[in-house]
């Protein structure tokens, strides 16, 4: 099974997260990405605007340093990898 780059869980599928959102990149510019599970991906977009992601959280390390992300990762690691997880604002 693939492993989420953010929470470290073995999950059935991963999604590609653009560390700098495509809406903030320049046309034709290759943007850095990481492969993360769907719950982590949805949670990041609930927690942060595209502007915040581009400016303040454009690396995996910066995301991991955020307290809200740390709390979510601590919680999600306890969840079954195949269960649907609702994210909250």
Protein backbone atom coordinates (compact mmCIF):
# COMPACT_ATOMS: atom_id res chain seq x y z
CA UNK A 1 0.00 0.00 0.00
CA UNK A 2 1.18 3.56 -0.66
CA UNK A 3 2.21 5.71 2.31
CA UNK A 4 0.88 9.24 2.88
CA UNK A 5 3.73 11.76 2.99
CA UNK A 6 1.94 13.81 5.67
CA UNK A 7 0.42 11.33 8.14
CA UNK A 8 2.55 8.29 7.30
CA UNK A 9 -0.39 5.87 7.05
CA UNK A 10 -0.55 2.98 4.60
CA UNK A 11 -3.61 3.83 2.50
CA UNK A 12 -5.24 2.37 -0.63
CA UNK A 13 -4.73 5.49 -2.76
CA UNK A 14 -2.95 8.83 -2.64
CA UNK A 15 -3.74 12.21 -4.15
CA UNK A 16 -1.29 14.75 -5.53
CA UNK A 17 -1.13 17.93 -3.43
CA UNK A 18 0.50 20.98 -5.01
CA UNK A 19 2.58 22.62 -2.30
CA UNK A 20 2.16 25.86 -4.24
CA UNK A 21 -1.43 25.81 -5.53
CA UNK A 22 -1.76 25.84 -9.30
CA UNK A 23 -3.75 29.07 -9.06
CA UNK A 24 -0.68 30.73 -7.48
CA UNK A 25 1.94 29.39 -9.88
CA UNK A 26 3.11 30.96 -13.11
CA UNK A 27 1.88 29.55 -16.41
CA UNK A 28 4.10 26.70 -17.57
CA UNK A 29 5.91 26.57 -14.21
CA UNK A 30 6.49 23.13 -12.70
CA UNK A 31 5.09 23.21 -9.15
CA UNK A 32 6.32 21.01 -6.30
CA UNK A 33 3.91 18.26 -5.22
CA UNK A 34 3.61 15.57 -2.55
CA UNK A 35 1.48 12.46 -2.51
CA UNK A 36 -0.90 12.44 0.45
CA UNK A 37 -4.07 10.60 1.44
CA UNK A 38 -7.45 12.09 0.66
CA UNK A 39 -8.35 13.02 4.28
CA UNK A 40 -5.07 14.90 4.74
CA UNK A 41 -5.54 16.64 1.38
CA UNK A 42 -9.09 17.74 2.21
CA UNK A 43 -8.03 18.91 5.68
CA UNK A 44 -5.25 21.10 4.30
CA UNK A 45 -7.69 22.85 1.98
CA UNK A 46 -10.14 23.34 4.85
CA UNK A 47 -7.48 24.80 7.13
CA UNK A 48 -5.72 27.11 4.68
CA UNK A 49 -6.53 29.33 1.74
CA UNK A 50 -4.55 28.92 -1.48
CA UNK A 51 -2.76 32.17 -0.63
CA UNK A 52 -1.72 30.81 2.79
CA UNK A 53 -0.58 27.52 1.27
CA UNK A 54 1.56 29.34 -1.32
CA UNK A 55 3.01 31.88 1.12
CA UNK A 56 3.33 30.07 4.46
CA UNK A 57 2.94 26.31 3.92
CA UNK A 58 4.75 25.53 0.67
CA UNK A 59 6.85 22.66 2.05
CA UNK A 60 5.99 19.45 3.85
CA UNK A 61 8.11 20.58 6.80
CA UNK A 62 6.18 23.85 7.16
CA UNK A 63 2.88 21.97 7.05
CA UNK A 64 4.06 19.56 9.74
CA UNK A 65 5.09 22.45 12.01
CA UNK A 66 1.56 23.89 12.08
CA UNK A 67 -0.30 23.04 15.31
CA UNK A 68 -3.66 22.36 13.59
CA UNK A 69 -1.99 20.01 11.12
CA UNK A 70 -0.13 18.24 13.94
CA UNK A 71 -3.40 17.71 15.84
CA UNK A 72 -5.12 16.36 12.72
CA UNK A 73 -2.21 14.02 11.89
CA UNK A 74 -2.19 12.70 15.47
CA UNK A 75 -5.91 11.96 15.19
CA UNK A 76 -5.94 10.56 11.62
CA UNK A 77 -3.18 8.08 12.41
CA UNK A 78 -5.68 6.30 14.70
CA UNK A 79 -8.31 5.97 11.95
CA UNK A 80 -8.72 2.93 9.70
CA UNK A 81 -7.01 3.67 6.35
CA UNK A 82 -10.01 2.62 4.27
CA UNK A 83 -12.71 4.47 6.20
CA UNK A 84 -14.17 7.74 4.95
CA UNK A 85 -13.15 10.63 7.18
CA UNK A 86 -15.12 13.85 7.32
CA UNK A 87 -13.09 17.01 7.76
CA UNK A 88 -14.32 20.04 9.64
CA UNK A 89 -13.72 23.72 9.33
